[in-house]
Amino acid sequence: MRQQLTLAGNHALLARANPLSKFAAVLLITAVLALSIDWVSASVALVFELLLFPLAGLTLSLLWQRGWPLIIAAAVGGWSTSILAPDSGRILLDAGIWTMSEGSLQLGVGFMLRGFAIALPAVLLMSCTDPTDLADALAQKARLPHRFVLGTLAAMRLVGLMAEEWQTIGMARRARGVGSRGSLGQRVKATLGQSFGLLVQAVRRASRLAVTMEARGFGGGQRTWARESTFSTLDLGVVAGGVLVAGLALFAALAAGTWNMVWLGS
C-alpha cells in the first residue's frame, strides 16, 4: 500500500514539471468547473483529463486506488441530486417520496460529471508530484513560510507510513482474535478500536518527529535549500494546457446553452 502512495519509478512527462505550474493548471480548470453545474463543460474537461493519464504515469487501477473516495462521493452526490432536485420535465421515476424527472436527472448527471472532473486533476497532481519538489517550490517560488512547508512535507511523508501502520495493527489484532469479523456491529467496533490505535501511533510519531526536526534546526529563522526549484518551457506548456482545457470547457457549455451559474441558477 505504501508503494501505491509514492512516486517510485514515475518518469512520466508531467512528473518533470514544476509543481507550481501543475497546481496553477489544476486551479484554472477547477475554477471554471466550480462556477457551473452542467454536463457539457464537465464532460469536455473530463475527456481532456483522461487523455493526460499517460503523461502523468497514471493508470485506471492507480486512479481507483488513490481516488476511490472522491469517485464514490461524486457518484453518490450525482444520484442524490437527481432524486432530490426539484422536478422539471417528464417524470422518469416515481418511488413514493423520491421522484426523478428529466430536469433533475440532467442536473444529477451534471453534478456527478462535475465531481469527477474536479477530482481527477487533484489525483493527477498528486500522482506526478514529488512531495519534496512541492515543498521546494512552495518555499522558494511561492515564498510560503518554511516552517509551514516543512511541517506539511513531513506529514505527507508519513501518509505511507500510516498506511503500513494500519495494516500492522490489523494483523496484530487478528492474531489476538480481535478481527473485523462477525456481525456489522462487531465489525464497526473492531474498526473503531483499530482507528484509535492508529490515532495513538500517529500522535506519538508526530511528537517525536517534531522534537527531532526542532533539534536539527528546521525551525530556524533563515535556511538554505539543497535543491533549487526552477521553471522551464515545460511549465509554460502545462499552464497553457490548463488555460486551453478551461477555455474549451467554458466555450462548449456556452455554445450548447447548458452553462448554469451556481449562484444564479440559470
Protein backbone atom coordinates (compact mmCIF):
# COMPACT_ATOMS: atom_id res chain seq x y z
CA MET A 1 0.00 0.00 0.00
CA ARG A 2 2.83 2.36 0.73
CA GLN A 3 4.15 1.93 -2.80
CA GLN A 4 0.76 3.00 -4.15
CA LEU A 5 1.14 6.32 -2.35
CA THR A 6 4.64 7.14 -3.61
CA LEU A 7 6.15 8.21 -6.93
CA ALA A 8 8.77 5.49 -7.12
CA GLY A 9 9.64 4.81 -10.76
CA ASN A 10 7.38 7.52 -12.18
CA HIS A 11 9.34 9.10 -15.05
CA ALA A 12 6.32 10.50 -16.89
CA LEU A 13 6.46 13.86 -18.66
CA LEU A 14 4.32 15.73 -16.12
CA ALA A 15 6.47 14.41 -13.28
CA ARG A 16 9.30 16.65 -14.55
CA ALA A 17 7.21 19.84 -14.48
CA ASN A 18 7.39 22.31 -11.60
CA PRO A 19 4.68 21.58 -9.00
CA LEU A 20 3.51 25.22 -9.02
CA SER A 21 2.77 25.17 -12.75
CA LYS A 22 0.75 21.97 -12.34
CA PHE A 23 -1.08 23.49 -9.39
CA ALA A 24 -1.90 26.60 -11.44
CA ALA A 25 -3.30 24.49 -14.30
CA VAL A 26 -5.44 22.45 -11.89
CA LEU A 27 -6.66 25.63 -10.21
CA LEU A 28 -7.76 27.12 -13.55
CA ILE A 29 -9.74 24.02 -14.54
CA THR A 30 -11.30 23.69 -11.09
CA ALA A 31 -12.32 27.35 -11.02
CA VAL A 32 -14.24 27.06 -14.30
CA LEU A 33 -15.95 23.82 -13.26
CA ALA A 34 -16.87 25.24 -9.86
CA LEU A 35 -18.78 28.12 -11.47
CA SER A 36 -21.39 25.96 -13.20
CA ILE A 37 -23.25 22.68 -12.76
CA ASP A 38 -23.69 21.36 -16.30
CA TRP A 39 -22.73 18.17 -18.05
CA VAL A 40 -21.16 19.76 -21.16
CA SER A 41 -18.30 21.67 -19.50
CA ALA A 42 -17.66 18.77 -17.13
CA SER A 43 -17.61 16.24 -19.99
CA VAL A 44 -15.18 18.31 -22.07
CA ALA A 45 -12.82 18.74 -19.12
CA LEU A 46 -13.14 15.07 -18.20
CA VAL A 47 -12.17 13.90 -21.69
CA PHE A 48 -9.01 16.01 -21.70
CA GLU A 49 -8.13 14.87 -18.17
CA LEU A 50 -8.40 11.22 -19.20
CA LEU A 51 -6.08 11.92 -22.13
CA LEU A 52 -3.48 13.21 -19.65
CA PHE A 53 -3.26 9.87 -17.82
CA PRO A 54 -0.25 8.57 -19.84
CA LEU A 55 1.58 11.90 -19.39
CA ALA A 56 1.22 11.56 -15.62
CA GLY A 57 2.12 7.86 -15.46
CA LEU A 58 -1.35 7.10 -14.12
CA THR A 59 -3.44 4.03 -14.95
CA LEU A 60 -7.09 3.30 -14.22
CA SER A 61 -6.13 0.90 -11.42
CA LEU A 62 -3.91 3.51 -9.76
CA LEU A 63 -6.67 6.09 -10.20
CA TRP A 64 -9.06 3.87 -8.27
CA GLN A 65 -6.51 3.08 -5.56
CA ARG A 66 -5.70 6.74 -4.96
CA GLY A 67 -9.01 8.44 -5.68
CA TRP A 68 -11.79 5.97 -4.85
CA PRO A 69 -13.23 8.11 -2.00
CA LEU A 70 -13.61 11.08 -4.37
CA ILE A 71 -15.06 8.90 -7.14
CA ILE A 72 -17.64 7.34 -4.83
CA ALA A 73 -18.51 10.74 -3.35
CA ALA A 74 -19.12 12.18 -6.84
CA ALA A 75 -21.32 9.22 -7.84
CA VAL A 76 -23.37 9.40 -4.63
CA GLY A 77 -23.70 13.17 -4.99
CA GLY A 78 -24.99 12.82 -8.53
CA TRP A 79 -27.54 10.18 -7.54
CA SER A 80 -28.81 12.13 -4.54
CA THR A 81 -29.09 15.29 -6.64
CA SER A 82 -31.10 13.53 -9.33
CA ILE A 83 -33.72 12.30 -6.84
CA LEU A 84 -33.82 15.32 -4.52
CA ALA A 85 -33.64 18.21 -7.00
CA PRO A 86 -36.92 19.95 -7.97
CA ASP A 87 -38.77 18.13 -10.75
CA SER A 88 -38.89 19.64 -14.22
CA GLY A 89 -39.98 17.96 -17.42
CA ARG A 90 -41.26 14.42 -17.76
CA ILE A 91 -41.22 12.19 -14.66
CA LEU A 92 -38.88 9.24 -15.23
CA LEU A 93 -39.08 7.55 -11.83
CA ASP A 94 -41.70 7.74 -9.09
CA ALA A 95 -40.80 5.82 -5.93
CA GLY A 96 -43.08 7.43 -3.39
CA ILE A 97 -41.14 10.14 -1.61
CA TRP A 98 -38.45 10.06 -4.31
CA THR A 99 -39.03 11.18 -7.87
CA MET A 100 -36.71 11.67 -10.80
CA SER A 101 -37.56 13.89 -13.74
CA GLU A 102 -35.72 14.78 -16.92
CA GLY A 103 -34.53 18.07 -15.42
CA SER A 104 -33.40 16.57 -12.12
CA LEU A 105 -31.63 13.72 -13.95
CA GLN A 106 -29.77 16.20 -16.13
CA LEU A 107 -28.78 18.16 -13.02
CA GLY A 108 -27.66 14.98 -11.25
CA VAL A 109 -25.57 13.83 -14.22
CA GLY A 110 -24.00 17.28 -14.42
CA PHE A 111 -23.22 17.21 -10.70
CA MET A 112 -21.65 13.75 -10.96
CA LEU A 113 -19.53 14.59 -14.02
CA ARG A 114 -18.53 17.86 -12.38
CA GLY A 115 -17.38 15.95 -9.31
CA PHE A 116 -15.35 13.55 -11.46
CA ALA A 117 -13.81 16.42 -13.45
CA ILE A 118 -12.81 18.25 -10.26
CA ALA A 119 -11.47 15.13 -8.51
CA LEU A 120 -9.34 13.79 -11.38
CA PRO A 121 -6.98 16.80 -11.62
CA ALA A 122 -6.26 16.51 -7.90
CA VAL A 123 -5.42 12.82 -8.29
CA LEU A 124 -3.29 13.59 -11.36
CA LEU A 125 -1.46 16.33 -9.49
CA MET A 126 -0.59 14.13 -6.52
CA SER A 127 0.33 11.19 -8.76
CA CYS A 128 3.03 13.07 -10.67
CA THR A 129 4.30 15.43 -7.96
CA ASP A 130 7.04 14.53 -5.51
CA PRO A 131 6.33 15.98 -2.03
CA THR A 132 9.90 17.27 -1.70
CA ASP A 133 9.69 19.08 -5.05
CA LEU A 134 6.37 20.57 -3.98
CA ALA A 135 7.88 21.80 -0.71
CA ASP A 136 10.86 23.33 -2.54
CA ALA A 137 8.54 25.14 -4.96
CA LEU A 138 6.23 26.43 -2.23
CA ALA A 139 9.10 27.76 -0.14
CA GLN A 140 11.35 29.13 -2.90
CA LYS A 141 8.88 30.30 -5.55
CA ALA A 142 5.61 30.88 -3.66
CA ARG A 143 7.53 32.31 -0.66
CA LEU A 144 5.48 30.44 1.93
CA PRO A 145 6.93 30.19 5.48
CA HIS A 146 9.41 27.34 5.56
CA ARG A 147 8.18 26.09 8.95
CA PHE A 148 4.72 25.50 7.48
CA VAL A 149 6.16 23.96 4.31
CA LEU A 150 8.50 21.57 6.11
CA GLY A 151 5.78 20.55 8.55
CA THR A 152 3.44 19.77 5.66
CA LEU A 153 6.19 17.82 3.88
CA ALA A 154 6.83 15.72 6.97
CA ALA A 155 3.10 14.99 7.28
CA MET A 156 2.88 13.92 3.62
CA ARG A 157 5.86 11.62 4.07
CA LEU A 158 4.08 9.96 6.99
CA VAL A 159 0.98 9.07 4.95
CA GLY A 160 2.54 5.92 3.52
CA LEU A 161 3.94 5.01 6.92
CA MET A 162 0.50 5.34 8.49
CA ALA A 163 -0.92 3.05 5.79
CA GLU A 164 1.63 0.40 6.75
CA GLU A 165 0.87 1.01 10.43
CA TRP A 166 -2.84 0.38 9.77
CA GLN A 167 -2.01 -3.00 8.21
CA THR A 168 0.33 -3.89 11.09
CA ILE A 169 -2.28 -3.03 13.73
CA GLY A 170 -4.89 -5.04 11.83
CA MET A 171 -2.66 -8.14 11.65
CA ALA A 172 -1.78 -7.82 15.34
CA ARG A 173 -5.45 -7.60 16.31
CA ARG A 174 -6.37 -10.59 14.16
CA ALA A 175 -3.55 -12.59 15.75
CA ARG A 176 -5.18 -11.92 19.13
CA GLY A 177 -8.60 -12.89 17.79
CA VAL A 178 -9.91 -9.32 17.53
CA GLY A 179 -10.54 -9.13 13.79
CA SER A 180 -13.17 -7.37 11.69
CA ARG A 181 -15.43 -10.42 11.51
CA GLY A 182 -18.86 -11.26 12.81
CA SER A 183 -21.90 -9.04 12.70
CA LEU A 184 -21.99 -5.49 11.43
CA GLY A 185 -21.85 -4.10 14.96
CA GLN A 186 -18.80 -6.22 15.78
CA ARG A 187 -17.03 -5.08 12.62
CA VAL A 188 -17.74 -1.43 13.37
CA LYS A 189 -16.48 -1.89 16.93
CA ALA A 190 -13.30 -3.58 15.71
CA THR A 191 -12.69 -0.84 13.13
CA LEU A 192 -13.16 1.89 15.74
CA GLY A 193 -10.68 0.18 18.04
CA GLN A 194 -8.15 -0.14 15.24
CA SER A 195 -8.68 3.52 14.31
CA PHE A 196 -8.00 4.60 17.88
CA GLY A 197 -4.78 2.59 17.88
CA LEU A 198 -3.69 4.27 14.66
CA LEU A 199 -4.51 7.69 16.15
CA VAL A 200 -2.31 6.96 19.17
CA GLN A 201 0.58 5.85 16.95
CA ALA A 202 0.17 8.93 14.73
CA VAL A 203 0.31 11.31 17.71
CA ARG A 204 3.40 9.57 19.08
CA ARG A 205 5.23 9.66 15.75
CA ALA A 206 4.27 13.28 15.14
CA SER A 207 5.53 14.33 18.58
CA ARG A 208 8.86 12.54 18.15
CA LEU A 209 9.27 13.91 14.63
CA ALA A 210 8.53 17.49 15.75
CA VAL A 211 11.13 17.28 18.53
CA THR A 212 13.69 15.76 16.16
CA MET A 213 13.14 18.41 13.48
CA GLU A 214 13.39 21.22 16.03
CA ALA A 215 16.63 19.75 17.43
CA ARG A 216 18.13 19.65 13.93
CA GLY A 217 17.41 23.31 13.28
CA PHE A 218 14.38 23.04 11.00
CA GLY A 219 12.68 25.81 12.97
CA GLY A 220 15.43 28.39 12.45
CA GLY A 221 14.84 31.87 11.11
CA GLN A 222 16.81 31.52 7.87
CA ARG A 223 17.68 28.39 5.94
CA THR A 224 19.17 27.23 2.66
CA TRP A 225 17.79 24.62 0.29
CA ALA A 226 19.64 21.60 -1.09
CA ARG A 227 17.75 21.70 -4.40
CA GLU A 228 16.79 24.80 -6.36
CA SER A 229 13.25 24.96 -7.71
CA THR A 230 13.24 26.21 -11.32
CA PHE A 231 10.79 26.78 -14.17
CA SER A 232 11.23 25.56 -17.75
CA THR A 233 9.41 25.66 -21.08
CA LEU A 234 7.55 22.53 -19.98
CA ASP A 235 5.92 24.54 -17.20
CA LEU A 236 4.75 27.12 -19.74
CA GLY A 237 3.13 24.31 -21.71
CA VAL A 238 1.46 22.92 -18.59
CA VAL A 239 -0.10 26.29 -17.72
CA ALA A 240 -1.13 26.84 -21.35
CA GLY A 241 -2.75 23.40 -21.34
CA GLY A 242 -4.72 24.30 -18.23
CA VAL A 243 -5.91 27.53 -19.85
CA LEU A 244 -6.87 25.62 -23.03
CA VAL A 245 -8.88 22.94 -21.20
CA ALA A 246 -10.66 25.51 -19.03
CA GLY A 247 -11.41 27.72 -22.04
CA LEU A 248 -12.73 24.86 -24.17
CA ALA A 249 -14.96 23.63 -21.34
CA LEU A 250 -16.37 27.13 -20.86
CA PHE A 251 -16.86 27.72 -24.60
CA ALA A 252 -18.56 24.34 -25.13
CA ALA A 253 -21.03 24.94 -22.30
CA LEU A 254 -21.87 28.44 -23.54
CA ALA A 255 -22.28 27.22 -27.12
CA ALA A 256 -24.54 24.36 -26.05
CA GLY A 257 -26.60 26.64 -23.81
CA THR A 258 -26.07 24.46 -20.73
CA TRP A 259 -23.95 26.92 -18.72
CA ASN A 260 -25.65 27.15 -15.32
CA MET A 261 -24.04 29.52 -12.83
CA VAL A 262 -24.14 28.02 -9.36
CA TRP A 263 -25.34 31.12 -7.51
CA LEU A 264 -27.66 32.36 -10.27
CA GLY A 265 -29.39 29.09 -11.02
CA SER A 266 -29.72 29.90 -14.69
